Protein backbone atom coordinates (compact mmCIF):
# COMPACT_ATOMS: atom_id res chain seq x y z
CA MET A 1 -39.34 42.62 -9.15
CA LYS A 2 -36.98 43.45 -5.95
CA ASN A 3 -39.65 45.65 -4.72
CA LEU A 4 -42.60 42.97 -4.87
CA GLU A 5 -39.83 40.41 -3.17
CA SER A 6 -39.33 42.91 -0.30
CA PHE A 7 -43.12 43.63 -0.21
CA ILE A 8 -44.05 39.95 0.34
CA TYR A 9 -41.11 39.08 2.64
CA ASN A 10 -42.22 41.99 4.73
CA ILE A 11 -45.70 40.47 4.76
CA LEU A 12 -44.43 37.14 5.75
CA ASN A 13 -42.43 38.30 8.70
CA SER A 14 -45.04 40.29 10.30
CA LYS A 15 -47.80 38.39 12.19
CA THR A 16 -49.97 41.38 12.07
CA LYS A 17 -49.87 41.90 8.20
CA LYS A 18 -50.42 38.17 7.56
CA THR A 19 -53.25 38.14 9.79
CA LEU A 20 -54.67 41.27 8.31
CA MET A 21 -54.02 39.59 4.70
CA ILE A 22 -56.12 36.65 5.58
CA PHE A 23 -58.86 38.89 7.05
CA ALA A 24 -59.00 41.07 4.04
CA THR A 25 -59.29 38.14 1.50
CA ALA A 26 -61.92 36.62 3.78
CA ALA A 27 -63.84 39.61 4.11
CA ALA A 28 -63.69 40.31 0.04
CA PHE A 29 -65.00 36.56 -0.27
CA PHE A 30 -67.94 37.25 1.98
CA LEU A 31 -68.72 40.64 0.75
CA SER A 32 -68.65 39.30 -2.75
CA LEU A 33 -71.17 36.40 -1.74
CA MET A 34 -73.52 38.97 -0.22
CA MET A 35 -73.93 40.69 -3.62
CA PHE A 36 -76.40 37.81 -4.63
CA PRO A 37 -78.94 38.32 -1.59
CA THR A 38 -78.63 42.19 -1.79
CA LYS A 39 -79.31 41.94 -5.37
CA MET A 40 -76.40 43.71 -6.29
CA VAL A 41 -75.63 40.84 -8.90
CA LEU A 42 -78.48 39.10 -10.33
CA ALA A 43 -78.52 35.56 -11.63
CA LYS A 44 -80.11 34.35 -14.93
CA MET A 45 -79.87 31.51 -17.38
CA LEU A 46 -79.14 33.71 -20.45
CA PRO A 47 -79.67 37.46 -20.82
CA GLY A 48 -82.11 38.89 -23.26
CA LYS A 49 -80.83 38.63 -26.99
CA SER A 50 -81.47 41.53 -29.53
CA ALA A 51 -83.20 39.87 -32.46
CA ASN A 52 -84.61 41.26 -35.83
CA THR A 53 -88.22 39.90 -35.16
CA PHE A 54 -90.66 39.62 -32.41
CA SER A 55 -94.26 38.40 -32.14
CA VAL A 56 -97.38 39.48 -30.48
CA TYR A 57 -100.03 37.14 -29.32
CA VAL A 58 -103.65 38.21 -28.96
CA ASP A 59 -105.98 36.12 -27.16
CA THR A 60 -109.53 37.30 -26.74
CA PRO A 61 -111.86 35.58 -24.36
CA LYS A 62 -113.03 32.11 -25.56
CA GLY A 63 -116.20 32.28 -27.56
CA SER A 64 -115.31 35.72 -28.89
CA SER A 65 -116.08 36.67 -32.58
CA ILE A 66 -113.42 36.91 -35.37
CA GLU A 67 -114.48 40.74 -35.67
CA GLN A 68 -113.66 41.26 -31.97
CA THR A 69 -110.25 39.73 -32.22
CA LYS A 70 -109.60 41.81 -35.46
CA GLU A 71 -110.50 45.05 -33.77
CA VAL A 72 -107.94 44.28 -31.04
CA SER A 73 -105.43 43.00 -33.61
CA ASN A 74 -105.89 46.36 -35.55
CA CYS A 75 -105.25 48.38 -32.45
CA VAL A 76 -102.13 46.70 -31.89
CA VAL A 77 -100.79 46.88 -35.64
CA SER A 78 -101.53 50.76 -35.35
CA PHE A 79 -99.04 51.03 -32.59
CA LEU A 80 -96.40 49.09 -34.16
CA LYS A 81 -96.89 51.13 -37.52
CA LYS A 82 -95.63 54.27 -35.64
CA GLU A 83 -92.18 52.66 -35.07
CA LYS A 84 -89.46 53.65 -37.51
CA GLU A 85 -87.57 50.47 -36.73
CA VAL A 86 -90.56 48.19 -37.89
CA ASN A 87 -90.01 46.98 -41.59
CA HIS A 88 -92.80 44.53 -42.03
CA ILE A 89 -95.98 43.48 -40.03
CA GLU A 90 -97.91 40.29 -40.74
CA LEU A 91 -101.40 39.64 -39.15
CA PHE A 92 -102.36 35.94 -38.82
CA LEU A 93 -106.00 36.19 -37.81
CA GLY A 94 -107.58 33.23 -36.31
CA GLN A 95 -104.39 31.11 -36.50
CA GLY A 96 -100.81 30.96 -35.18
CA ILE A 97 -97.63 32.03 -37.02
CA PRO A 98 -96.47 29.15 -39.28
CA LEU A 99 -92.83 27.91 -39.10
CA ASP A 100 -91.95 30.15 -36.06
CA TYR A 101 -89.30 29.05 -33.49
CA ALA A 102 -91.17 30.52 -30.54
CA GLY A 103 -94.47 29.40 -31.91
CA LEU A 104 -93.19 25.63 -32.22
CA VAL A 105 -91.64 25.72 -28.63
CA LYS A 106 -94.95 27.62 -27.25
CA GLY A 107 -97.51 25.57 -29.42
CA ALA A 108 -98.67 28.50 -31.17
CA SER A 109 -98.50 27.12 -34.43
CA MET A 110 -101.45 24.69 -33.56
CA LYS A 111 -103.71 27.64 -32.84
CA GLN A 112 -106.82 27.91 -34.90
CA SER A 113 -109.90 29.42 -33.50
CA GLU A 114 -111.95 32.97 -33.88
CA ASN A 115 -110.38 34.32 -30.57
CA VAL A 116 -106.86 34.05 -31.45
CA SER A 117 -104.37 36.06 -33.71
CA GLU A 118 -100.64 36.61 -33.95
CA ILE A 119 -98.77 39.52 -35.39
CA SER A 120 -95.22 38.97 -36.79
CA VAL A 121 -93.00 42.06 -36.70
CA ASN A 122 -89.62 42.32 -38.57
CA LEU A 123 -87.35 45.03 -37.68
CA THR A 124 -84.23 46.48 -39.14
CA ASP A 125 -81.11 44.88 -38.80
CA LYS A 126 -79.80 44.88 -35.17
CA HIS A 127 -76.39 46.30 -36.16
CA HIS A 128 -78.22 49.42 -37.58
CA ARG A 129 -80.36 50.42 -34.72
CA ASP A 130 -79.71 51.80 -31.23
CA GLU A 131 -82.55 50.11 -29.59
CA PRO A 132 -82.09 46.22 -28.97
CA SER A 133 -85.34 44.31 -29.66
CA PHE A 134 -85.86 43.31 -25.96
CA LEU A 135 -85.83 47.04 -24.82
CA MET A 136 -88.39 47.99 -27.65
CA VAL A 137 -90.71 45.26 -26.59
CA LYS A 138 -90.34 46.41 -22.92
CA ARG A 139 -91.19 49.86 -24.06
CA LEU A 140 -94.28 49.05 -26.24
CA ARG A 141 -95.92 46.43 -23.88
CA PRO A 142 -97.50 48.82 -21.38
CA GLU A 143 -98.47 51.37 -24.04
CA VAL A 144 -100.02 48.49 -26.51
CA GLN A 145 -101.95 46.68 -23.33
CA LYS A 146 -103.28 49.82 -21.98
CA ALA A 147 -104.85 50.97 -25.21
CA CYS A 148 -105.98 47.69 -26.77
CA VAL A 149 -106.79 45.36 -23.92
CA PRO A 150 -110.07 47.63 -22.94
CA LEU A 151 -111.49 46.93 -26.48
CA VAL A 152 -112.57 43.54 -25.59
CA ARG A 153 -112.94 42.68 -21.95
CA GLY A 154 -110.73 39.85 -20.87
CA THR A 155 -108.23 40.05 -23.64
CA ASN A 156 -104.51 39.00 -23.01
CA ILE A 157 -101.72 40.67 -25.31
CA LYS A 158 -98.33 38.91 -25.08
CA PHE A 159 -95.08 40.33 -26.54
CA ILE A 160 -93.09 37.14 -27.37
CA GLU A 161 -89.44 37.47 -28.22
CA GLN A 162 -87.45 34.65 -30.03
CA PRO A 163 -85.87 32.42 -27.05
CA SER A 164 -82.15 33.03 -26.73
CA GLY A 165 -81.98 30.01 -24.27
CA PRO A 166 -83.53 26.62 -23.97
CA PRO A 167 -86.89 26.02 -25.55
CA THR A 168 -89.62 26.53 -22.74
CA LEU A 169 -93.20 27.36 -22.65
CA ALA A 170 -92.39 30.69 -20.68
CA SER A 171 -90.00 32.23 -18.23
CA ILE A 172 -92.08 30.93 -15.36
CA VAL A 173 -94.63 28.09 -15.53
CA VAL A 174 -96.65 27.10 -12.80
CA GLU A 175 -98.55 23.80 -12.94
CA VAL A 176 -101.67 23.21 -10.85
CA HIS A 177 -102.34 19.40 -10.61
CA GLY A 178 -105.51 18.09 -9.31
CA GLU A 179 -108.52 15.79 -10.04
CA ASN A 180 -111.23 18.40 -9.22
CA LEU A 181 -111.44 20.49 -12.03
CA GLU A 182 -113.32 23.36 -10.50
CA LYS A 183 -110.84 23.62 -7.72
CA VAL A 184 -107.98 23.36 -9.91
CA ARG A 185 -109.13 26.27 -12.11
CA SER A 186 -110.00 28.26 -8.91
CA LEU A 187 -106.51 27.81 -7.47
CA SER A 188 -105.02 28.70 -11.00
CA VAL A 189 -106.94 32.00 -10.74
CA ASP A 190 -105.31 32.59 -7.26
CA VAL A 191 -101.91 31.62 -8.71
CA ALA A 192 -102.36 34.03 -11.76
CA ASP A 193 -103.52 36.80 -9.33
CA VAL A 194 -100.48 36.47 -7.28
CA LEU A 195 -98.21 36.35 -10.28
CA SER A 196 -100.00 39.66 -11.77
CA GLU A 197 -98.94 41.52 -8.44
CA THR A 198 -95.54 40.16 -8.57
CA GLU A 199 -92.97 42.95 -9.61
CA GLY A 200 -90.94 42.13 -12.67
CA LEU A 201 -93.52 39.77 -14.12
CA VAL A 202 -95.66 40.52 -17.27
CA ASP A 203 -97.83 38.73 -19.73
CA ILE A 204 -99.56 36.62 -17.32
CA ASP A 205 -101.81 34.31 -18.70
CA LEU A 206 -104.12 31.28 -17.59
CA MET A 207 -103.97 28.35 -20.08
CA ALA A 208 -107.44 27.24 -19.76
CA ASP A 209 -110.74 27.68 -21.48
CA GLU A 210 -112.96 30.25 -20.06
CA ASN A 211 -116.55 29.00 -19.54
CA PHE A 212 -119.01 30.89 -21.78
CA VAL A 213 -122.57 30.28 -23.10
CA LYS A 214 -123.21 29.21 -26.93
CA TYR A 215 -126.23 28.43 -28.75
CA GLU A 216 -126.75 25.61 -31.02
CA LEU A 217 -128.88 25.69 -34.01
CA ILE A 218 -130.69 22.31 -34.34
CA PRO A 219 -132.93 21.98 -37.54
CA ASP A 220 -136.15 20.27 -36.68
CA LYS A 221 -136.73 17.58 -39.33
CA GLU A 222 -140.34 17.14 -38.41
CA LYS A 223 -141.06 20.56 -38.93
CA ILE A 224 -139.03 21.02 -41.92
CA ALA A 225 -140.97 17.89 -43.71
CA ARG A 226 -144.37 19.63 -42.65
CA SER A 227 -143.33 22.90 -44.12
CA GLY A 228 -142.38 21.54 -47.50
CA LEU A 229 -138.77 22.16 -47.01
CA SER A 230 -135.61 19.90 -47.17
CA VAL A 231 -132.97 19.78 -44.32
CA GLU A 232 -130.30 20.54 -46.96
CA GLN A 233 -131.95 23.81 -47.76
CA VAL A 234 -132.11 24.82 -44.06
CA ASN A 235 -128.30 23.70 -43.64
CA ASN A 236 -127.21 25.80 -46.63
CA ILE A 237 -129.03 28.79 -45.30
CA LEU A 238 -127.72 28.60 -42.02
CA TYR A 239 -124.25 28.20 -43.20
CA LEU A 240 -124.57 31.20 -45.72
CA ALA A 241 -125.94 33.29 -42.89
CA PHE A 242 -123.33 32.78 -40.33
CA GLU A 243 -120.07 31.06 -41.78
CA GLY A 244 -120.47 31.20 -45.53
CA MET A 245 -119.94 28.32 -47.94
CA VAL A 246 -118.11 27.16 -51.03
CA ILE A 247 -120.43 27.31 -54.19
CA ALA A 248 -118.13 26.86 -56.99
CA HIS A 249 -114.30 26.73 -58.08
CA LYS A 250 -112.41 28.69 -60.50
CA ASN A 251 -109.19 27.66 -62.44
CA SER A 252 -106.27 29.74 -63.20
CA LYS A 253 -103.20 29.23 -65.23
CA ASN A 254 -101.34 30.96 -62.25
CA ASN A 255 -102.32 28.60 -59.72
CA PRO A 256 -101.96 24.74 -59.70
CA ASP A 257 -104.94 24.34 -57.51
CA GLN A 258 -108.73 25.22 -57.90
CA ILE A 259 -109.59 28.68 -56.39
CA GLU A 260 -112.65 28.38 -54.19
CA ILE A 261 -115.47 30.86 -54.74
CA PHE A 262 -116.81 31.63 -51.31
CA LEU A 263 -120.37 32.97 -50.65
CA VAL A 264 -121.26 34.81 -47.58
CA LEU A 265 -123.69 37.50 -46.44
CA ASP A 266 -122.12 40.89 -45.90
CA LYS A 267 -121.02 42.02 -42.53
CA ASP A 268 -124.10 44.11 -41.57
CA SER A 269 -126.25 41.14 -42.27
CA LYS A 270 -124.19 38.81 -40.38
CA LEU A 271 -124.11 40.74 -37.26
CA ILE A 272 -126.51 40.35 -34.47
CA SER A 273 -127.60 43.12 -32.44
CA GLU A 274 -127.07 41.60 -28.97
CA SER A 275 -125.42 38.34 -27.73
CA ASN A 276 -128.73 36.65 -26.47
CA LYS A 277 -131.21 34.06 -27.41
CA GLU A 278 -133.91 36.69 -28.30
CA ALA A 279 -131.78 38.56 -30.83
CA LEU A 280 -130.76 35.16 -32.40
CA ILE A 281 -134.33 33.89 -32.90
CA SER A 282 -134.98 37.63 -34.31
CA LYS A 283 -132.17 36.92 -36.98
CA LEU A 284 -133.60 33.67 -37.81
CA SER A 285 -137.03 35.00 -38.32
CA SER A 286 -135.61 37.56 -41.04
CA LEU A 287 -134.22 34.44 -42.97
CA ASN A 288 -136.93 33.06 -45.12
CA LEU A 289 -137.05 29.94 -47.30
CA MET A 290 -139.38 29.26 -50.10
CA ASN A 291 -140.99 25.71 -50.03
CA MET A 292 -142.52 23.63 -52.73
CA SER A 293 -145.53 25.39 -52.75
CA GLY A 294 -144.11 28.67 -53.39
CA MET A 295 -144.73 29.88 -49.69
CA MET A 296 -141.92 31.71 -47.54
CA VAL A 297 -141.19 29.92 -44.27
CA PRO A 298 -139.34 31.87 -41.50
CA LEU A 299 -136.25 29.95 -40.49
CA SER A 300 -137.05 30.28 -36.94
CA GLU A 301 -140.05 28.08 -37.63
CA VAL A 302 -137.84 24.94 -38.51
CA VAL A 303 -134.81 25.67 -36.23
CA THR A 304 -134.60 24.97 -32.56
CA VAL A 305 -132.29 27.27 -30.62
CA ASN A 306 -130.63 25.38 -27.52
CA VAL A 307 -128.39 27.54 -24.81
CA VAL A 308 -125.46 25.14 -23.76
CA LYS A 309 -122.36 25.66 -21.93
CA SER A 310 -118.96 25.45 -23.69
CA ASN A 311 -116.73 22.49 -23.37
CA ASN A 312 -113.58 23.08 -21.50
CA MET A 313 -110.15 21.89 -22.80
CA ILE A 314 -108.79 19.26 -20.32
CA MET A 315 -104.91 19.25 -20.14
CA HIS A 316 -102.70 16.25 -18.63
CA LYS A 317 -99.32 15.72 -17.80
CA ASP A 318 -97.90 12.66 -16.43
CA LEU A 319 -101.35 11.01 -16.10
CA SER A 320 -102.43 13.82 -13.84
CA ARG A 321 -104.89 16.71 -14.69
CA MET A 322 -103.50 20.13 -14.74
CA VAL A 323 -103.78 23.76 -15.85
CA ASN A 324 -100.61 25.80 -16.70
CA VAL A 325 -100.29 29.56 -15.46
CA ILE A 326 -97.50 31.33 -17.31
CA ALA A 327 -95.58 34.46 -17.02
CA GLU A 328 -92.86 36.36 -18.56
CA THR A 329 -90.09 38.28 -16.85
CA ASP A 330 -89.62 42.08 -17.91
CA MET A 331 -85.74 42.28 -18.09
CA VAL A 332 -85.23 40.65 -14.71
CA SER A 333 -84.17 37.09 -13.50
CA GLN A 334 -86.63 34.47 -13.25
CA VAL A 335 -85.61 33.50 -9.65
CA TYR A 336 -86.22 36.44 -7.64
CA PRO A 337 -89.92 36.87 -8.82
CA LEU A 338 -90.37 33.34 -8.37
CA LEU A 339 -89.07 33.51 -4.55
CA ASP A 340 -91.32 36.50 -3.93
CA ALA A 341 -94.52 34.98 -5.58
CA ARG A 342 -93.84 31.74 -3.69
CA GLU A 343 -93.88 33.33 -0.43
CA VAL A 344 -97.10 35.12 -1.00
CA MET A 345 -98.74 31.88 -2.43
CA LEU A 346 -97.83 30.01 0.94
CA GLU A 347 -99.10 32.72 2.96
CA LYS A 348 -102.36 32.98 1.05
CA PHE A 349 -103.19 29.26 0.72
CA GLN A 350 -102.30 28.18 4.46
CA LYS A 351 -105.76 29.44 5.53
CA ASP A 352 -107.82 26.69 3.77
CA TYR A 353 -104.97 24.06 2.95
CA ILE A 354 -102.44 22.18 4.74
CA ILE A 355 -99.23 22.89 2.83
CA THR A 356 -96.60 20.07 2.28
CA LYS A 357 -93.37 21.33 0.87
CA ALA A 358 -91.50 19.05 -1.57
CA ASP A 359 -87.96 17.16 -1.28
CA PHE A 360 -85.35 19.76 -1.69
CA SER A 361 -83.35 17.32 -3.66
CA THR A 362 -85.96 17.13 -6.44
CA TYR A 363 -88.50 19.79 -6.78
CA MET A 364 -87.27 22.06 -4.22
CA PHE A 365 -89.82 25.00 -4.89
CA ASP A 366 -92.84 22.79 -5.34
CA PHE A 367 -95.49 22.20 -2.62
CA THR A 368 -98.72 19.99 -2.13
CA LEU A 369 -101.95 21.65 -0.98
CA THR A 370 -104.41 19.41 1.12
CA ASP A 371 -107.97 20.73 1.56
CA LYS A 372 -108.70 21.16 5.06
CA LYS A 373 -112.41 20.11 4.82
CA THR A 374 -112.47 17.72 1.69
CA LYS A 375 -108.96 16.49 2.01
CA GLU A 376 -108.31 16.80 -1.64
CA GLU A 377 -104.67 17.20 -2.89
CA PHE A 378 -103.20 19.75 -5.48
CA LEU A 379 -99.88 19.93 -6.33
CA ILE A 380 -98.18 23.47 -7.22
CA ARG A 381 -95.17 22.64 -9.54
CA TRP A 382 -92.82 25.28 -10.90
CA ASP A 383 -91.20 24.80 -14.43
CA GLY A 384 -90.25 27.01 -17.36
CA GLU A 385 -86.95 28.65 -18.10
CA MET A 386 -86.99 29.26 -14.38
CA LYS A 387 -86.51 25.64 -13.61
CA VAL A 388 -84.02 24.91 -16.48
CA THR A 389 -81.99 27.82 -14.76
CA LEU A 390 -82.02 26.56 -11.44
CA ASP A 391 -81.21 23.00 -12.68
CA THR A 392 -78.31 24.48 -14.87
CA PHE A 393 -76.81 26.39 -11.98
CA ARG A 394 -77.02 23.09 -9.75
CA ASP A 395 -75.40 20.92 -12.38
CA LEU A 396 -72.78 23.58 -13.17
CA GLY A 397 -72.20 23.92 -9.39
CA GLY A 398 -71.82 20.12 -9.20
CA ALA A 399 -69.47 20.27 -11.92
CA PHE A 400 -67.30 22.58 -10.34
CA ILE A 401 -67.22 20.87 -6.85
CA SER A 402 -66.25 17.58 -8.85
CA ALA A 403 -63.40 19.51 -10.49
CA LEU A 404 -62.16 20.73 -7.20
CA ILE A 405 -62.14 17.38 -5.71
CA LEU A 406 -60.47 15.68 -8.73
CA ILE A 407 -57.72 18.58 -8.55
CA PHE A 408 -57.34 18.14 -4.89
CA LEU A 409 -56.96 14.27 -5.24
CA LEU A 410 -54.45 14.68 -8.00
CA LEU A 411 -52.45 17.14 -5.91
CA VAL A 412 -52.42 15.02 -2.90
CA ILE A 413 -51.03 12.01 -4.74
CA TYR A 414 -48.53 14.24 -6.52
CA TYR A 415 -47.26 16.31 -3.15
CA LYS A 416 -48.23 13.75 -0.74
CA SER A 417 -49.38 16.61 1.38
CA PHE A 418 -53.10 17.60 2.17
CA ALA A 419 -51.69 21.09 3.43
CA ILE A 420 -50.30 22.07 -0.05
CA SER A 421 -53.23 20.55 -2.05
CA GLY A 422 -55.50 22.63 0.19
CA ILE A 423 -53.48 25.84 -0.59
CA VAL A 424 -53.84 25.27 -4.32
CA LEU A 425 -57.52 24.49 -3.87
CA LEU A 426 -58.33 27.48 -1.91
CA GLY A 427 -56.61 29.71 -4.12
CA SER A 428 -58.53 28.35 -7.15
CA PHE A 429 -61.70 28.90 -5.30
CA LEU A 430 -61.14 32.43 -4.15
CA SER A 431 -61.18 33.53 -8.00
CA LEU A 432 -64.80 33.62 -7.47
CA ILE A 433 -64.42 37.00 -5.89
CA GLY A 434 -63.27 38.42 -9.16
CA VAL A 435 -66.11 36.80 -11.08
CA ILE A 436 -68.78 38.27 -8.80
CA VAL A 437 -67.24 41.71 -8.56
CA GLY A 438 -66.52 41.88 -12.40
CA HIS A 439 -70.34 41.19 -13.14
CA TRP A 440 -71.05 44.26 -10.48
CA VAL A 441 -68.68 46.51 -12.28
CA ALA A 442 -69.93 45.28 -15.95
CA ASN A 443 -73.39 46.14 -14.71
CA TRP A 444 -72.41 50.08 -14.64
CA PHE A 445 -71.48 50.16 -18.15
CA THR A 446 -74.54 48.45 -19.61
CA SER A 447 -77.90 49.98 -20.27
CA GLU A 448 -79.66 47.08 -19.28
CA THR A 449 -78.85 44.52 -16.20
CA PHE A 450 -75.78 42.43 -16.76
CA PHE A 451 -76.75 39.03 -15.14
CA LEU A 452 -74.56 36.26 -13.97
CA THR A 453 -75.54 33.59 -16.44
CA ALA A 454 -74.65 30.07 -17.04
CA THR A 455 -71.81 30.99 -19.30
CA SER A 456 -70.33 33.04 -16.45
CA LEU A 457 -70.16 29.81 -14.41
CA ILE A 458 -68.42 27.98 -17.43
CA GLY A 459 -65.71 30.73 -17.25
CA PHE A 460 -65.33 30.20 -13.45
CA ILE A 461 -65.02 26.57 -13.91
CA ALA A 462 -62.30 27.35 -16.64
CA LEU A 463 -60.82 29.42 -14.22
CA ILE A 464 -59.68 26.81 -11.73
CA GLY A 465 -57.04 25.49 -14.00
CA ILE A 466 -55.51 28.78 -14.39
CA SER A 467 -55.57 29.62 -10.70
CA SER A 468 -54.23 26.37 -9.88
CA ARG A 469 -51.30 26.68 -12.34
CA ASN A 470 -50.48 30.02 -10.79
CA SER A 471 -50.31 28.19 -7.29
CA LEU A 472 -48.25 25.45 -8.51
CA LEU A 473 -45.55 27.77 -10.09
CA LEU A 474 -45.08 29.30 -6.67
CA ILE A 475 -44.88 26.16 -4.72
CA ASP A 476 -42.60 24.35 -7.09
CA PHE A 477 -40.17 27.33 -7.44
CA ALA A 478 -40.26 27.83 -3.66
CA LYS A 479 -39.34 24.26 -2.98
CA GLN A 480 -36.37 24.15 -5.60
CA LEU A 481 -35.04 27.46 -4.14
CA MET A 482 -35.16 25.48 -0.45
CA GLU A 483 -33.79 22.21 -1.67
CA VAL A 484 -31.09 23.61 -4.42
CA GLU A 485 -30.42 27.14 -3.20
CA GLY A 486 -30.55 26.52 0.44
CA LEU A 487 -32.92 29.48 1.02
CA LYS A 488 -35.14 29.73 4.03
CA LYS A 489 -38.78 29.35 3.76
CA ARG A 490 -39.95 32.92 4.06
CA ARG A 491 -37.21 34.30 1.53
CA ALA A 492 -37.80 31.20 -0.84
CA ILE A 493 -41.65 32.16 -0.89
CA ALA A 494 -40.99 35.64 -1.40
CA VAL A 495 -38.29 35.04 -4.38
CA ALA A 496 -40.76 32.63 -5.90
CA ALA A 497 -43.67 35.11 -6.01
CA ALA A 498 -41.27 37.87 -7.36
CA THR A 499 -39.76 35.80 -10.10
CA ARG A 500 -43.06 34.00 -11.21
CA ALA A 501 -45.02 37.20 -11.11
CA LYS A 502 -43.93 38.11 -14.65
CA PRO A 503 -45.20 34.99 -16.37
CA ILE A 504 -48.37 34.77 -14.29
CA MET A 505 -49.21 38.45 -15.21
CA LEU A 506 -48.20 37.80 -19.07
CA THR A 507 -50.54 34.69 -18.92
CA ALA A 508 -53.14 36.95 -17.22
CA VAL A 509 -52.84 39.64 -19.84
CA ALA A 510 -53.14 37.07 -22.74
CA ILE A 511 -56.29 35.74 -21.15
CA ILE A 512 -57.87 39.10 -20.81
CA LEU A 513 -57.11 40.34 -24.29
CA GLY A 514 -58.38 36.92 -25.47
CA SER A 515 -61.64 37.23 -23.68
CA ALA A 516 -62.30 41.04 -24.45
CA LEU A 517 -64.02 39.87 -27.51
CA LEU A 518 -66.38 37.79 -25.74
CA ALA A 519 -67.50 40.56 -23.18
CA GLY A 520 -69.62 42.52 -25.72
CA ASP A 521 -71.43 39.47 -26.92
CA PRO A 522 -75.13 39.27 -25.48
CA VAL A 523 -75.00 35.57 -24.66
CA PHE A 524 -71.39 34.85 -24.02
CA GLY A 525 -70.50 38.10 -22.52
CA GLY A 526 -70.90 36.54 -18.89
CA LEU A 527 -67.95 34.16 -20.05
CA GLY A 528 -65.84 36.80 -20.98
CA VAL A 529 -66.27 39.02 -17.95
CA ALA A 530 -65.83 35.96 -15.70
CA LEU A 531 -62.61 35.13 -17.42
CA ILE A 532 -61.33 38.82 -17.42
CA SER A 533 -62.21 39.58 -13.67
CA GLY A 534 -61.49 36.20 -12.32
CA THR A 535 -58.00 36.17 -13.90
CA VAL A 536 -57.39 39.51 -12.29
CA ALA A 537 -58.65 38.17 -9.06
CA ALA A 538 -56.47 34.88 -9.65
CA VAL A 539 -53.19 37.01 -9.99
CA PHE A 540 -53.76 38.95 -6.68
CA VAL A 541 -54.58 35.65 -4.81
CA SER A 542 -51.62 33.92 -6.18
CA LEU A 543 -49.17 36.58 -5.47
CA LEU A 544 -50.35 37.87 -2.00
CA PHE A 545 -52.67 35.44 -0.27
CA VAL A 546 -50.99 32.04 -1.37
CA PRO A 547 -47.64 33.10 -0.12
CA VAL A 548 -49.23 33.62 3.28
CA LEU A 549 -50.83 30.12 3.25
CA MET A 550 -47.42 28.82 2.28
CA ASP A 551 -45.75 30.17 5.10
CA ASN A 552 -48.32 28.85 7.53
CA ALA A 553 -48.49 25.51 6.03
CA LYS A 554 -46.95 22.61 8.30
CA ALA A 555 -46.49 20.21 5.50
CA MET A 556 -43.46 17.82 6.23
CA ASP A 557 -41.55 18.86 2.96
CA PHE A 558 -41.36 22.43 3.63
CA ASP A 559 -40.59 21.90 7.41
CA LYS A 560 -37.80 19.26 6.80
CA VAL A 561 -36.01 21.51 4.15
CA ASP A 562 -36.30 24.75 6.55
CA THR A 563 -34.94 22.90 9.21
CA GLN A 564 -31.76 21.47 7.21
CA ASN A 565 -31.13 24.98 5.96
CA LYS A 566 -31.03 26.35 9.42
């Protein structure tokens, strides 16, 4: 270690070299931080996790028939069947997938209407296939949507993966709050349009019922009585013609419950040629009932057809009416599309609304719209995994700052010196250089983006103790050499750095080898990379930068001992 001692001593004796070392370290720290705005390193709550299953949600326009939903669903299934890695496909027509984690989180398990279906897809084991499930979903999504969405105009097909992170409705959720439902819906459509044009966002959906025309068939009791029919007869034939009905039950020794025998007209008899009132009346005219006199009475004579508008679903949150607009991210972080979409929304809405931005400390991305003409207020609130990501990074950042403050106070009490405590603290903080650069390097060796995640920040917080320990070893040993051996400050610092370099490096090697197993994990990979790269940076900071700070420190204990030795 004599060479290292001479190297450090030469740096300490040269003002130019010390200045250059400080400048190089500051530049490295600044450049590492610039990797975030330049998007060289991207932040995300948790990366994509390869699973053995995913789901496909099919939502045809409200009011669509079960046949239309089935047509679109069969189109999706036909694409999935071509994939050799797909083991099983199960179609749930008119309902959601039961007992599915993603479905419970997203409320899909409560679906039950003719315009929805869900497809459960089971894949081969993830350890026996080369393509992760999230890359398969990314590849299939545009192909399926291009071929199947045009079959029924207004259809929405979403690919849903099992969430690897916190349970949220979607990656990005925009809540539009307001009392005027028509304007709320109009604003929601504008928000959905902006999200649709934002790069990196897919599966945009407006969680609100669409207005459609429906037809009510109302039996006319007076005409029924005059025609010699009964209301029950009319109701039964209507159910048989459009829905079908249970007419009997069958018992089976293999089934504990009775099996219903369901009677319904065949598909050709049920279908109506066109979706209008005239076609429906024509359909009713073809259905005849025999009255008590043996005469056949057309059903259209005793049934009134009314054209009415559909009843829209009204959603509330915190006693406020709202509409959700959701979007998923296509292998990108949620934060960057959010920032892009938000800027476009602010520019788009400022023409007709007065925009008031929310308090940064509470909901920093929310804003309120006040109509310039009617003075009505509407709130645009951001939620979903994106908000959880920001909250997590904020909380972990707060935990990191708290840890630094506590370490600083403890060191001040121990050394009775703010300067020495500051050296230890600064050395610990600079390990962030290695954490950021390590994620940038790791991104070169992965097929998908290697994000700086919440687990990465946990690893960074854990590095504080390791980095602090390295600096404390140098400071205590240098003080001991000055007090006991009588060495001058610079020589003592150089000897301390050279002597303690071996245990510091052995500790670093142990941490690197122990963290190598985590580096390949899809969820905890950020923790492993943060510990590995941060430890490497901590070694260089401790052995090169901290000695320069120790030499420049004006702490009384160093100066006093150095003066005595002279």
